[in-house]
């Protein structure tokens, strides 16, 4: 059933009821209820928004679902998949399952490199994580894609020197997925289940695969909004979950710092996470087509999750991001 926040005593919002979460009322965690209610009104005015969740000081304090969507629904989150997959690569590097950031793609998939591909041979894990490979997957061969996405992406044209510039390319995390599987003999989804989803008690996740059986590295996850909030809280807590270091602290720090030269749409790009360009606070976020967001704002001890229609045009839900600075962040009481 839909979980609604109930107004009590005139203007007081009660704590959500959410299994598996510590919950609290917004006011008890230093948030202004009237501003959160304004955020709710704004969300209701946009037909593509499906959910809005706020975590403050580790407590789920605000949870709303719209247009018939429920807490138990698991929406497609599109490119938020990339940021979630980033956790796996950080863990794999820390465990030695991946040799390092400077491992070259050619070392794992030499069959897709020809004698004319000397420049491509310089592409590394670091370039894939920061979207600086120089490849243009939009010109990948359609016939090759039907057989091997990895082969098609590697054989796509190289339009700039690896490492020279940022160019958002959804194919690059898929190469990382393939490299992880070749190194561990586990799919990306299996690796995530073992090292992230199980420790966080995240269940019911589905994840698409390519024709060769490699887990999609760029999209394809369906997951609940509450579980997205767990991912955000894990990053807010620098990779710690219930006293256990799930993701290396150093990886969380590196992921949320600018790692890519120029060209990004926000303030910068870390390791598959966007850096916020909002002047009123420091933060970083995951973003997916159709208005899917996980916002992490350490300076405010805040996580915000927004989900939307994954098939809506991307020029519509960009306003969803304004919910965070103009309403949610503004609802945090300052000394």
C-alpha atoms as a PDB file:
ATOM      1  CA  UNK A   1       0.000   0.000   0.000  1.00  0.00           C
ATOM      2  CA  UNK A   2       1.075   3.621  -0.497  1.00  0.00           C
ATOM      3  CA  UNK A   3       2.829   5.122   2.493  1.00  0.00           C
ATOM      4  CA  UNK A   4       1.543   8.606   3.172  1.00  0.00           C
ATOM      5  CA  UNK A   5       2.940  11.196   5.499  1.00  0.00           C
ATOM      6  CA  UNK A   6       0.188  12.258   7.845  1.00  0.00           C
ATOM      7  CA  UNK A   7      -0.166  15.784   9.151  1.00  0.00           C
ATOM      8  CA  UNK A   8      -0.540  15.824  12.912  1.00  0.00           C
ATOM      9  CA  UNK A   9      -1.147  18.649  15.399  1.00  0.00           C
ATOM     10  CA  UNK A  10      -1.758  21.189  12.672  1.00  0.00           C
ATOM     11  CA  UNK A  11       1.498  21.179  10.776  1.00  0.00           C
ATOM     12  CA  UNK A  12       3.537  18.286  12.128  1.00  0.00           C
ATOM     13  CA  UNK A  13       4.547  15.484   9.772  1.00  0.00           C
ATOM     14  CA  UNK A  14       4.808  12.069  11.364  1.00  0.00           C
ATOM     15  CA  UNK A  15       7.639   9.629  10.707  1.00  0.00           C
ATOM     16  CA  UNK A  16       7.182   7.283   7.737  1.00  0.00           C
ATOM     17  CA  UNK A  17       6.562   3.608   8.447  1.00  0.00           C
ATOM     18  CA  UNK A  18       9.222   1.762   6.489  1.00  0.00           C
ATOM     19  CA  UNK A  19      10.441  -1.747   7.237  1.00  0.00           C
ATOM     20  CA  UNK A  20      14.212  -1.981   7.364  1.00  0.00           C
ATOM     21  CA  UNK A  21      14.699   1.732   8.007  1.00  0.00           C
ATOM     22  CA  UNK A  22      15.235   3.884  11.058  1.00  0.00           C
ATOM     23  CA  UNK A  23      12.548   6.536  10.671  1.00  0.00           C
ATOM     24  CA  UNK A  24      11.869   9.848  12.351  1.00  0.00           C
ATOM     25  CA  UNK A  25       9.713  12.914  11.918  1.00  0.00           C
ATOM     26  CA  UNK A  26      11.280  15.699   9.837  1.00  0.00           C
ATOM     27  CA  UNK A  27      11.160  18.191  12.692  1.00  0.00           C
ATOM     28  CA  UNK A  28      13.051  15.850  15.008  1.00  0.00           C
ATOM     29  CA  UNK A  29      15.913  15.837  12.467  1.00  0.00           C
ATOM     30  CA  UNK A  30      16.045  19.575  12.004  1.00  0.00           C
ATOM     31  CA  UNK A  31      13.884  19.989   8.913  1.00  0.00           C
ATOM     32  CA  UNK A  32      11.202  22.582   8.235  1.00  0.00           C
ATOM     33  CA  UNK A  33       7.947  20.773   7.574  1.00  0.00           C
ATOM     34  CA  UNK A  34       6.278  23.544   5.598  1.00  0.00           C
ATOM     35  CA  UNK A  35       9.109  23.555   3.049  1.00  0.00           C
ATOM     36  CA  UNK A  36       8.912  19.778   2.650  1.00  0.00           C
ATOM     37  CA  UNK A  37       5.192  20.106   2.028  1.00  0.00           C
ATOM     38  CA  UNK A  38       5.974  22.678  -0.657  1.00  0.00           C
ATOM     39  CA  UNK A  39       8.317  20.124  -2.231  1.00  0.00           C
ATOM     40  CA  UNK A  40       5.473  17.630  -2.160  1.00  0.00           C
ATOM     41  CA  UNK A  41       3.200  20.093  -3.949  1.00  0.00           C
ATOM     42  CA  UNK A  42       5.832  20.700  -6.621  1.00  0.00           C
ATOM     43  CA  UNK A  43       6.336  16.961  -7.127  1.00  0.00           C
ATOM     44  CA  UNK A  44       2.589  16.494  -7.511  1.00  0.00           C
ATOM     45  CA  UNK A  45       2.551  19.141 -10.251  1.00  0.00           C
ATOM     46  CA  UNK A  46       4.917  17.143 -12.469  1.00  0.00           C
ATOM     47  CA  UNK A  47       3.185  14.121 -14.014  1.00  0.00           C
ATOM     48  CA  UNK A  48       6.436  12.230 -14.572  1.00  0.00           C
ATOM     49  CA  UNK A  49       7.565  12.116 -10.917  1.00  0.00           C
ATOM     50  CA  UNK A  50       6.853   8.833  -9.146  1.00  0.00           C
ATOM     51  CA  UNK A  51       8.558   9.101  -5.770  1.00  0.00           C
ATOM     52  CA  UNK A  52      10.364  11.496  -3.453  1.00  0.00           C
ATOM     53  CA  UNK A  53      12.329  10.268  -0.421  1.00  0.00           C
ATOM     54  CA  UNK A  54      14.461  12.226   2.037  1.00  0.00           C
ATOM     55  CA  UNK A  55      16.996  10.768   4.488  1.00  0.00           C
ATOM     56  CA  UNK A  56      18.370  13.119   7.121  1.00  0.00           C
ATOM     57  CA  UNK A  57      20.973  12.161   9.748  1.00  0.00           C
ATOM     58  CA  UNK A  58      20.522   8.526   8.708  1.00  0.00           C
ATOM     59  CA  UNK A  59      16.756   8.563   9.302  1.00  0.00           C
ATOM     60  CA  UNK A  60      14.099   8.247   6.611  1.00  0.00           C
ATOM     61  CA  UNK A  61      12.037  11.356   7.365  1.00  0.00           C
ATOM     62  CA  UNK A  62       9.962  11.910   4.239  1.00  0.00           C
ATOM     63  CA  UNK A  63       8.522   9.421   1.755  1.00  0.00           C
ATOM     64  CA  UNK A  64       5.924  10.085  -0.903  1.00  0.00           C
ATOM     65  CA  UNK A  65       4.734   8.119  -3.936  1.00  0.00           C
ATOM     66  CA  UNK A  66       2.682   9.539  -6.773  1.00  0.00           C
ATOM     67  CA  UNK A  67       0.277   8.480  -9.508  1.00  0.00           C
ATOM     68  CA  UNK A  68      -0.438   5.028  -8.112  1.00  0.00           C
ATOM     69  CA  UNK A  69       3.176   3.994  -7.557  1.00  0.00           C
ATOM     70  CA  UNK A  70       3.957   2.170  -4.330  1.00  0.00           C
ATOM     71  CA  UNK A  71       6.890   1.672  -1.982  1.00  0.00           C
ATOM     72  CA  UNK A  72       7.250  -1.935  -3.128  1.00  0.00           C
ATOM     73  CA  UNK A  73       7.505  -1.016  -6.813  1.00  0.00           C
ATOM     74  CA  UNK A  74      10.898  -1.407  -8.464  1.00  0.00           C
ATOM     75  CA  UNK A  75      11.229   1.127 -11.262  1.00  0.00           C
ATOM     76  CA  UNK A  76      13.771   1.107 -14.050  1.00  0.00           C
ATOM     77  CA  UNK A  77      16.410   3.641 -13.026  1.00  0.00           C
ATOM     78  CA  UNK A  78      18.253   3.950 -16.316  1.00  0.00           C
ATOM     79  CA  UNK A  79      21.732   5.521 -15.981  1.00  0.00           C
ATOM     80  CA  UNK A  80      21.652   5.544 -12.191  1.00  0.00           C
ATOM     81  CA  UNK A  81      22.811   1.983 -12.895  1.00  0.00           C
ATOM     82  CA  UNK A  82      26.246   3.387 -13.788  1.00  0.00           C
ATOM     83  CA  UNK A  83      26.746   4.974 -10.370  1.00  0.00           C
ATOM     84  CA  UNK A  84      25.526   1.875  -8.547  1.00  0.00           C
ATOM     85  CA  UNK A  85      27.906  -0.271 -10.595  1.00  0.00           C
ATOM     86  CA  UNK A  86      30.744   2.036  -9.544  1.00  0.00           C
ATOM     87  CA  UNK A  87      30.557   0.439  -6.091  1.00  0.00           C
ATOM     88  CA  UNK A  88      31.499  -2.926  -7.567  1.00  0.00           C
ATOM     89  CA  UNK A  89      34.592  -1.565  -9.307  1.00  0.00           C
ATOM     90  CA  UNK A  90      35.795   0.155  -6.146  1.00  0.00           C
ATOM     91  CA  UNK A  91      35.378  -3.046  -4.174  1.00  0.00           C
ATOM     92  CA  UNK A  92      37.057  -5.100  -6.903  1.00  0.00           C
ATOM     93  CA  UNK A  93      40.067  -2.790  -7.029  1.00  0.00           C
ATOM     94  CA  UNK A  94      40.385  -2.879  -3.245  1.00  0.00           C
ATOM     95  CA  UNK A  95      40.181  -6.687  -3.180  1.00  0.00           C
ATOM     96  CA  UNK A  96      42.622  -7.067  -6.066  1.00  0.00           C
ATOM     97  CA  UNK A  97      39.961  -8.601  -8.310  1.00  0.00           C
ATOM     98  CA  UNK A  98      40.825  -5.863 -10.799  1.00  0.00           C
ATOM     99  CA  UNK A  99      44.569  -5.139 -11.062  1.00  0.00           C
ATOM    100  CA  UNK A 100      44.299  -1.369 -10.964  1.00  0.00           C
ATOM    101  CA  UNK A 101      43.068   1.817 -12.585  1.00  0.00           C
ATOM    102  CA  UNK A 102      45.783   1.627 -15.229  1.00  0.00           C
ATOM    103  CA  UNK A 103      44.862  -1.832 -16.475  1.00  0.00           C
ATOM    104  CA  UNK A 104      44.326  -1.596 -20.215  1.00  0.00           C
ATOM    105  CA  UNK A 105      41.167  -2.865 -21.915  1.00  0.00           C
ATOM    106  CA  UNK A 106      43.336  -4.602 -24.505  1.00  0.00           C
ATOM    107  CA  UNK A 107      44.791  -6.863 -21.812  1.00  0.00           C
ATOM    108  CA  UNK A 108      41.337  -8.371 -21.243  1.00  0.00           C
ATOM    109  CA  UNK A 109      39.808  -8.225 -24.726  1.00  0.00           C
ATOM    110  CA  UNK A 110      42.758  -8.413 -27.175  1.00  0.00           C
ATOM    111  CA  UNK A 111      40.577 -10.095 -29.813  1.00  0.00           C
ATOM    112  CA  UNK A 112      38.825  -6.803 -30.560  1.00  0.00           C
ATOM    113  CA  UNK A 113      41.982  -4.812 -31.299  1.00  0.00           C
ATOM    114  CA  UNK A 114      43.526  -4.735 -34.749  1.00  0.00           C
ATOM    115  CA  UNK A 115      46.932  -3.618 -36.036  1.00  0.00           C
ATOM    116  CA  UNK A 116      45.516  -0.152 -36.731  1.00  0.00           C
ATOM    117  CA  UNK A 117      44.383   0.341 -33.112  1.00  0.00           C
ATOM    118  CA  UNK A 118      47.597   1.527 -31.482  1.00  0.00           C
ATOM    119  CA  UNK A 119      45.932   4.613 -29.990  1.00  0.00           C
ATOM    120  CA  UNK A 120      43.061   2.545 -28.587  1.00  0.00           C
ATOM    121  CA  UNK A 121      45.491   0.280 -26.788  1.00  0.00           C
ATOM    122  CA  UNK A 122      46.061   3.105 -24.289  1.00  0.00           C
ATOM    123  CA  UNK A 123      42.463   2.953 -22.986  1.00  0.00           C
ATOM    124  CA  UNK A 124      42.427   1.965 -19.309  1.00  0.00           C
ATOM    125  CA  UNK A 125      39.999   1.305 -16.488  1.00  0.00           C
ATOM    126  CA  UNK A 126      40.527   4.912 -15.372  1.00  0.00           C
ATOM    127  CA  UNK A 127      39.400   6.199 -18.770  1.00  0.00           C
ATOM    128  CA  UNK A 128      36.245   4.082 -18.634  1.00  0.00           C
ATOM    129  CA  UNK A 129      35.351   5.254 -15.127  1.00  0.00           C
ATOM    130  CA  UNK A 130      35.805   8.927 -16.027  1.00  0.00           C
ATOM    131  CA  UNK A 131      34.253   8.850 -19.518  1.00  0.00           C
ATOM    132  CA  UNK A 132      37.530   9.905 -21.124  1.00  0.00           C
ATOM    133  CA  UNK A 133      38.247   6.924 -23.396  1.00  0.00           C
ATOM    134  CA  UNK A 134      37.931   8.889 -26.627  1.00  0.00           C
ATOM    135  CA  UNK A 135      35.626   6.244 -28.116  1.00  0.00           C
ATOM    136  CA  UNK A 136      32.335   7.114 -29.808  1.00  0.00           C
ATOM    137  CA  UNK A 137      29.965   4.234 -29.185  1.00  0.00           C
ATOM    138  CA  UNK A 138      27.169   6.025 -31.052  1.00  0.00           C
ATOM    139  CA  UNK A 139      28.920   4.858 -34.196  1.00  0.00           C
ATOM    140  CA  UNK A 140      29.297   1.258 -33.048  1.00  0.00           C
ATOM    141  CA  UNK A 141      28.530  -1.289 -35.757  1.00  0.00           C
ATOM    142  CA  UNK A 142      24.896  -2.424 -35.542  1.00  0.00           C
ATOM    143  CA  UNK A 143      25.719  -5.851 -36.878  1.00  0.00           C
ATOM    144  CA  UNK A 144      28.422  -6.367 -34.273  1.00  0.00           C
ATOM    145  CA  UNK A 145      26.093  -5.159 -31.511  1.00  0.00           C
ATOM    146  CA  UNK A 146      23.712  -8.010 -32.293  1.00  0.00           C
ATOM    147  CA  UNK A 147      26.491 -10.440 -31.339  1.00  0.00           C
ATOM    148  CA  UNK A 148      28.841  -8.633 -28.964  1.00  0.00           C
ATOM    149  CA  UNK A 149      28.238  -5.263 -27.365  1.00  0.00           C
ATOM    150  CA  UNK A 150      31.775  -5.287 -25.993  1.00  0.00           C
ATOM    151  CA  UNK A 151      33.256  -5.972 -29.399  1.00  0.00           C
ATOM    152  CA  UNK A 152      31.163  -3.256 -31.040  1.00  0.00           C
ATOM    153  CA  UNK A 153      32.042  -0.656 -28.414  1.00  0.00           C
ATOM    154  CA  UNK A 154      35.789  -1.323 -28.583  1.00  0.00           C
ATOM    155  CA  UNK A 155      35.723  -1.228 -32.371  1.00  0.00           C
ATOM    156  CA  UNK A 156      33.825   2.092 -32.424  1.00  0.00           C
ATOM    157  CA  UNK A 157      35.730   5.099 -33.815  1.00  0.00           C
ATOM    158  CA  UNK A 158      38.293   6.797 -31.616  1.00  0.00           C
ATOM    159  CA  UNK A 159      37.600  10.528 -31.847  1.00  0.00           C
ATOM    160  CA  UNK A 160      40.052  11.867 -29.259  1.00  0.00           C
ATOM    161  CA  UNK A 161      43.162  10.736 -27.440  1.00  0.00           C
ATOM    162  CA  UNK A 162      42.360   8.559 -24.395  1.00  0.00           C
ATOM    163  CA  UNK A 163      42.349  10.724 -21.287  1.00  0.00           C
ATOM    164  CA  UNK A 164      42.213  14.004 -23.182  1.00  0.00           C
ATOM    165  CA  UNK A 165      38.600  15.019 -22.626  1.00  0.00           C
ATOM    166  CA  UNK A 166      35.332  14.068 -20.981  1.00  0.00           C
ATOM    167  CA  UNK A 167      32.650  12.740 -23.290  1.00  0.00           C
ATOM    168  CA  UNK A 168      29.645  11.037 -21.741  1.00  0.00           C
ATOM    169  CA  UNK A 169      29.369   7.578 -23.275  1.00  0.00           C
ATOM    170  CA  UNK A 170      27.069   4.938 -21.838  1.00  0.00           C
ATOM    171  CA  UNK A 171      29.028   2.116 -23.425  1.00  0.00           C
ATOM    172  CA  UNK A 172      32.141   2.571 -21.325  1.00  0.00           C
ATOM    173  CA  UNK A 173      30.772   1.132 -18.051  1.00  0.00           C
ATOM    174  CA  UNK A 174      29.717  -1.920 -20.037  1.00  0.00           C
ATOM    175  CA  UNK A 175      33.350  -2.578 -20.884  1.00  0.00           C
ATOM    176  CA  UNK A 176      34.054  -2.398 -17.146  1.00  0.00           C
ATOM    177  CA  UNK A 177      31.328  -4.957 -16.525  1.00  0.00           C
ATOM    178  CA  UNK A 178      32.979  -7.297 -19.009  1.00  0.00           C
ATOM    179  CA  UNK A 179      36.436  -6.777 -17.506  1.00  0.00           C
ATOM    180  CA  UNK A 180      35.114  -7.538 -14.015  1.00  0.00           C
ATOM    181  CA  UNK A 181      33.462 -10.734 -15.213  1.00  0.00           C
ATOM    182  CA  UNK A 182      36.560 -11.898 -17.047  1.00  0.00           C
ATOM    183  CA  UNK A 183      38.626 -11.300 -13.893  1.00  0.00           C
ATOM    184  CA  UNK A 184      36.261 -12.872 -11.344  1.00  0.00           C
ATOM    185  CA  UNK A 185      34.118 -15.281 -13.366  1.00  0.00           C
ATOM    186  CA  UNK A 186      31.155 -13.561 -11.728  1.00  0.00           C
ATOM    187  CA  UNK A 187      28.742 -11.312 -13.567  1.00  0.00           C
ATOM    188  CA  UNK A 188      28.496  -7.725 -12.403  1.00  0.00           C
ATOM    189  CA  UNK A 189      25.062  -8.474 -10.945  1.00  0.00           C
ATOM    190  CA  UNK A 190      26.405 -11.517  -9.056  1.00  0.00           C
ATOM    191  CA  UNK A 191      29.340  -9.506  -7.753  1.00  0.00           C
ATOM    192  CA  UNK A 192      27.031  -6.728  -6.574  1.00  0.00           C
ATOM    193  CA  UNK A 193      24.692  -9.211  -4.950  1.00  0.00           C
ATOM    194  CA  UNK A 194      27.561 -10.755  -2.989  1.00  0.00           C
ATOM    195  CA  UNK A 195      29.360  -7.587  -1.948  1.00  0.00           C
ATOM    196  CA  UNK A 196      26.672  -4.885  -1.790  1.00  0.00           C
ATOM    197  CA  UNK A 197      23.061  -5.992  -2.113  1.00  0.00           C
ATOM    198  CA  UNK A 198      23.224  -8.814   0.425  1.00  0.00           C
ATOM    199  CA  UNK A 199      24.990  -6.756   3.152  1.00  0.00           C
ATOM    200  CA  UNK A 200      22.468  -3.917   2.658  1.00  0.00           C
ATOM    201  CA  UNK A 201      19.498  -6.322   2.569  1.00  0.00           C
ATOM    202  CA  UNK A 202      18.548  -5.116  -0.897  1.00  0.00           C
ATOM    203  CA  UNK A 203      16.302  -7.697  -2.552  1.00  0.00           C
ATOM    204  CA  UNK A 204      14.275  -8.141  -5.704  1.00  0.00           C
ATOM    205  CA  UNK A 205      16.727  -6.349  -7.999  1.00  0.00           C
ATOM    206  CA  UNK A 206      16.604  -7.289 -11.661  1.00  0.00           C
ATOM    207  CA  UNK A 207      19.407  -6.406 -14.084  1.00  0.00           C
ATOM    208  CA  UNK A 208      19.530  -6.757 -17.862  1.00  0.00           C
ATOM    209  CA  UNK A 209      22.278  -8.582 -19.765  1.00  0.00           C
ATOM    210  CA  UNK A 210      23.721  -8.328 -23.262  1.00  0.00           C
ATOM    211  CA  UNK A 211      23.643 -11.077 -25.941  1.00  0.00           C
ATOM    212  CA  UNK A 212      26.798 -12.666 -24.485  1.00  0.00           C
ATOM    213  CA  UNK A 213      25.426 -12.711 -20.944  1.00  0.00           C
ATOM    214  CA  UNK A 214      27.427  -9.783 -19.575  1.00  0.00           C
ATOM    215  CA  UNK A 215      25.459  -7.641 -17.115  1.00  0.00           C
ATOM    216  CA  UNK A 216      24.642  -4.253 -18.562  1.00  0.00           C
ATOM    217  CA  UNK A 217      27.050  -1.719 -17.128  1.00  0.00           C
ATOM    218  CA  UNK A 218      25.143   1.367 -18.194  1.00  0.00           C
ATOM    219  CA  UNK A 219      21.441   0.715 -17.527  1.00  0.00           C
ATOM    220  CA  UNK A 220      18.970  -2.076 -16.876  1.00  0.00           C
ATOM    221  CA  UNK A 221      18.506  -2.175 -13.078  1.00  0.00           C
ATOM    222  CA  UNK A 222      15.053  -2.201 -11.518  1.00  0.00           C
ATOM    223  CA  UNK A 223      15.160  -1.439  -7.787  1.00  0.00           C
ATOM    224  CA  UNK A 224      12.950   0.179  -5.151  1.00  0.00           C
ATOM    225  CA  UNK A 225      13.269   3.838  -4.190  1.00  0.00           C
ATOM    226  CA  UNK A 226      14.012   2.816  -0.596  1.00  0.00           C
ATOM    227  CA  UNK A 227      16.924   0.698  -1.776  1.00  0.00           C
ATOM    228  CA  UNK A 228      18.238   3.593  -3.835  1.00  0.00           C
ATOM    229  CA  UNK A 229      18.195   5.570  -0.595  1.00  0.00           C
ATOM    230  CA  UNK A 230      20.300   2.825   1.001  1.00  0.00           C
ATOM    231  CA  UNK A 231      22.900   3.259  -1.736  1.00  0.00           C
ATOM    232  CA  UNK A 232      22.894   7.002  -1.119  1.00  0.00           C
ATOM    233  CA  UNK A 233      23.225   6.543   2.653  1.00  0.00           C
ATOM    234  CA  UNK A 234      26.078   4.077   2.136  1.00  0.00           C
ATOM    235  CA  UNK A 235      27.964   6.771   0.215  1.00  0.00           C
ATOM    236  CA  UNK A 236      26.998   9.452   2.722  1.00  0.00           C
ATOM    237  CA  UNK A 237      28.554   7.262   5.431  1.00  0.00           C
ATOM    238  CA  UNK A 238      31.753   6.882   3.384  1.00  0.00           C
ATOM    239  CA  UNK A 239      31.078   3.247   2.517  1.00  0.00           C
ATOM    240  CA  UNK A 240      30.131   2.109   6.042  1.00  0.00           C
ATOM    241  CA  UNK A 241      26.982   0.098   6.772  1.00  0.00           C
ATOM    242  CA  UNK A 242      26.054  -1.011  10.271  1.00  0.00           C
ATOM    243  CA  UNK A 243      29.666  -0.865  11.414  1.00  0.00           C
ATOM    244  CA  UNK A 244      31.060  -2.693   8.378  1.00  0.00           C
ATOM    245  CA  UNK A 245      33.126  -1.105   5.612  1.00  0.00           C
ATOM    246  CA  UNK A 246      31.253  -2.220   2.480  1.00  0.00           C
ATOM    247  CA  UNK A 247      32.892   0.113  -0.029  1.00  0.00           C
ATOM    248  CA  UNK A 248      36.429   1.426   0.562  1.00  0.00           C
ATOM    249  CA  UNK A 249      36.354   4.936   2.035  1.00  0.00           C
ATOM    250  CA  UNK A 250      39.025   6.018  -0.428  1.00  0.00           C
ATOM    251  CA  UNK A 251      36.815   4.928  -3.321  1.00  0.00           C
ATOM    252  CA  UNK A 252      33.853   6.930  -2.064  1.00  0.00           C
ATOM    253  CA  UNK A 253      36.065   9.997  -1.746  1.00  0.00           C
ATOM    254  CA  UNK A 254      37.559   9.536  -5.204  1.00  0.00           C
ATOM    255  CA  UNK A 255      34.166   8.837  -6.784  1.00  0.00           C
ATOM    256  CA  UNK A 256      32.787  12.104  -5.457  1.00  0.00           C
ATOM    257  CA  UNK A 257      35.715  14.278  -6.569  1.00  0.00           C
ATOM    258  CA  UNK A 258      36.275  15.626 -10.060  1.00  0.00           C
ATOM    259  CA  UNK A 259      38.317  13.109 -12.038  1.00  0.00           C
ATOM    260  CA  UNK A 260      37.542  14.145 -15.602  1.00  0.00           C
ATOM    261  CA  UNK A 261      38.883  17.051 -17.658  1.00  0.00           C
ATOM    262  CA  UNK A 262      36.288  19.549 -18.966  1.00  0.00           C
ATOM    263  CA  UNK A 263      33.095  19.011 -20.865  1.00  0.00           C
ATOM    264  CA  UNK A 264      30.800  17.666 -18.142  1.00  0.00           C
ATOM    265  CA  UNK A 265      27.310  19.097 -17.743  1.00  0.00           C
ATOM    266  CA  UNK A 266      27.596  19.506 -13.971  1.00  0.00           C
ATOM    267  CA  UNK A 267      30.482  20.775 -11.840  1.00  0.00           C
ATOM    268  CA  UNK A 268      32.514  17.711 -12.706  1.00  0.00           C
ATOM    269  CA  UNK A 269      32.554  13.944 -12.940  1.00  0.00           C
ATOM    270  CA  UNK A 270      34.065  11.456 -10.522  1.00  0.00           C
ATOM    271  CA  UNK A 271      34.065   7.699 -10.987  1.00  0.00           C
ATOM    272  CA  UNK A 272      30.620   7.311 -12.598  1.00  0.00           C
ATOM    273  CA  UNK A 273      29.100   9.893 -10.232  1.00  0.00           C
ATOM    274  CA  UNK A 274      28.223  13.492 -11.123  1.00  0.00           C
ATOM    275  CA  UNK A 275      29.362  16.413  -8.987  1.00  0.00           C
ATOM    276  CA  UNK A 276      26.697  18.965  -8.133  1.00  0.00           C
ATOM    277  CA  UNK A 277      27.041  22.447  -9.590  1.00  0.00           C
ATOM    278  CA  UNK A 278      24.778  23.886  -6.891  1.00  0.00           C
ATOM    279  CA  UNK A 279      26.432  26.866  -5.206  1.00  0.00           C
ATOM    280  CA  UNK A 280      24.485  26.502  -1.949  1.00  0.00           C
ATOM    281  CA  UNK A 281      25.966  23.159  -0.933  1.00  0.00           C
ATOM    282  CA  UNK A 282      28.590  20.582  -1.887  1.00  0.00           C
ATOM    283  CA  UNK A 283      27.256  17.268  -3.072  1.00  0.00           C
ATOM    284  CA  UNK A 284      27.229  14.622  -5.767  1.00  0.00           C
ATOM    285  CA  UNK A 285      24.566  12.586  -7.490  1.00  0.00           C
ATOM    286  CA  UNK A 286      23.567   9.733  -9.739  1.00  0.00           C
ATOM    287  CA  UNK A 287      21.246  10.589 -12.614  1.00  0.00           C
ATOM    288  CA  UNK A 288      19.151   8.564 -15.041  1.00  0.00           C
ATOM    289  CA  UNK A 289      16.949   9.311 -18.048  1.00  0.00           C
ATOM    290  CA  UNK A 290      13.414  10.248 -17.109  1.00  0.00           C
ATOM    291  CA  UNK A 291      14.260  11.924 -13.814  1.00  0.00           C
ATOM    292  CA  UNK A 292      15.947   9.252 -11.679  1.00  0.00           C
ATOM    293  CA  UNK A 293      18.240  10.727  -9.013  1.00  0.00           C
ATOM    294  CA  UNK A 294      20.202   9.857  -5.911  1.00  0.00           C
ATOM    295  CA  UNK A 295      21.512  13.050  -4.324  1.00  0.00           C
ATOM    296  CA  UNK A 296      24.149  12.837  -1.587  1.00  0.00           C
ATOM    297  CA  UNK A 297      24.891  16.043   0.331  1.00  0.00           C
ATOM    298  CA  UNK A 298      27.441  15.376   3.091  1.00  0.00           C
ATOM    299  CA  UNK A 299      27.488  18.973   4.362  1.00  0.00           C
ATOM    300  CA  UNK A 300      23.779  18.672   5.211  1.00  0.00           C
ATOM    301  CA  UNK A 301      23.825  14.961   6.177  1.00  0.00           C
ATOM    302  CA  UNK A 302      21.192  14.489   3.517  1.00  0.00           C
ATOM    303  CA  UNK A 303      20.192  11.933   0.890  1.00  0.00           C
ATOM    304  CA  UNK A 304      17.404  12.589  -1.601  1.00  0.00           C
ATOM    305  CA  UNK A 305      15.923  10.043  -3.992  1.00  0.00           C
ATOM    306  CA  UNK A 306      13.658  10.987  -6.885  1.00  0.00           C
ATOM    307  CA  UNK A 307      12.244   8.529  -9.398  1.00  0.00           C
ATOM    308  CA  UNK A 308      10.291   9.349 -12.526  1.00  0.00           C
ATOM    309  CA  UNK A 309       8.897   7.949 -15.726  1.00  0.00           C
ATOM    310  CA  UNK A 310      11.892   6.233 -17.387  1.00  0.00           C
ATOM    311  CA  UNK A 311      10.425   6.831 -20.832  1.00  0.00           C
ATOM    312  CA  UNK A 312       9.807  10.560 -20.577  1.00  0.00           C
ATOM    313  CA  UNK A 313      11.783  13.025 -22.694  1.00  0.00           C
ATOM    314  CA  UNK A 314      14.938  14.193 -20.871  1.00  0.00           C
ATOM    315  CA  UNK A 315      14.128  17.878 -21.377  1.00  0.00           C
ATOM    316  CA  UNK A 316      11.110  17.598 -19.059  1.00  0.00           C
ATOM    317  CA  UNK A 317      12.413  16.126 -15.789  1.00  0.00           C
ATOM    318  CA  UNK A 318      15.469  18.356 -15.532  1.00  0.00           C
ATOM    319  CA  UNK A 319      13.333  20.494 -13.197  1.00  0.00           C
ATOM    320  CA  UNK A 320      13.271  17.549 -10.812  1.00  0.00           C
ATOM    321  CA  UNK A 321      16.792  18.517  -9.815  1.00  0.00           C
ATOM    322  CA  UNK A 322      15.486  21.895  -8.632  1.00  0.00           C
ATOM    323  CA  UNK A 323      13.524  20.091  -5.952  1.00  0.00           C
ATOM    324  CA  UNK A 324      16.788  19.458  -4.141  1.00  0.00           C
ATOM    325  CA  UNK A 325      18.322  22.957  -3.832  1.00  0.00           C
ATOM    326  CA  UNK A 326      15.095  24.973  -3.872  1.00  0.00           C
ATOM    327  CA  UNK A 327      13.086  22.861  -1.446  1.00  0.00           C
ATOM    328  CA  UNK A 328      14.736  19.836   0.201  1.00  0.00           C
ATOM    329  CA  UNK A 329      18.052  21.497   1.061  1.00  0.00           C
ATOM    330  CA  UNK A 330      16.248  24.694   2.038  1.00  0.00           C
ATOM    331  CA  UNK A 331      14.169  22.649   4.484  1.00  0.00           C
ATOM    332  CA  UNK A 332      17.267  21.899   6.550  1.00  0.00           C
ATOM    333  CA  UNK A 333      17.381  24.233   9.533  1.00  0.00           C
ATOM    334  CA  UNK A 334      20.655  26.134   9.811  1.00  0.00           C
ATOM    335  CA  UNK A 335      22.094  27.346  13.117  1.00  0.00           C
END
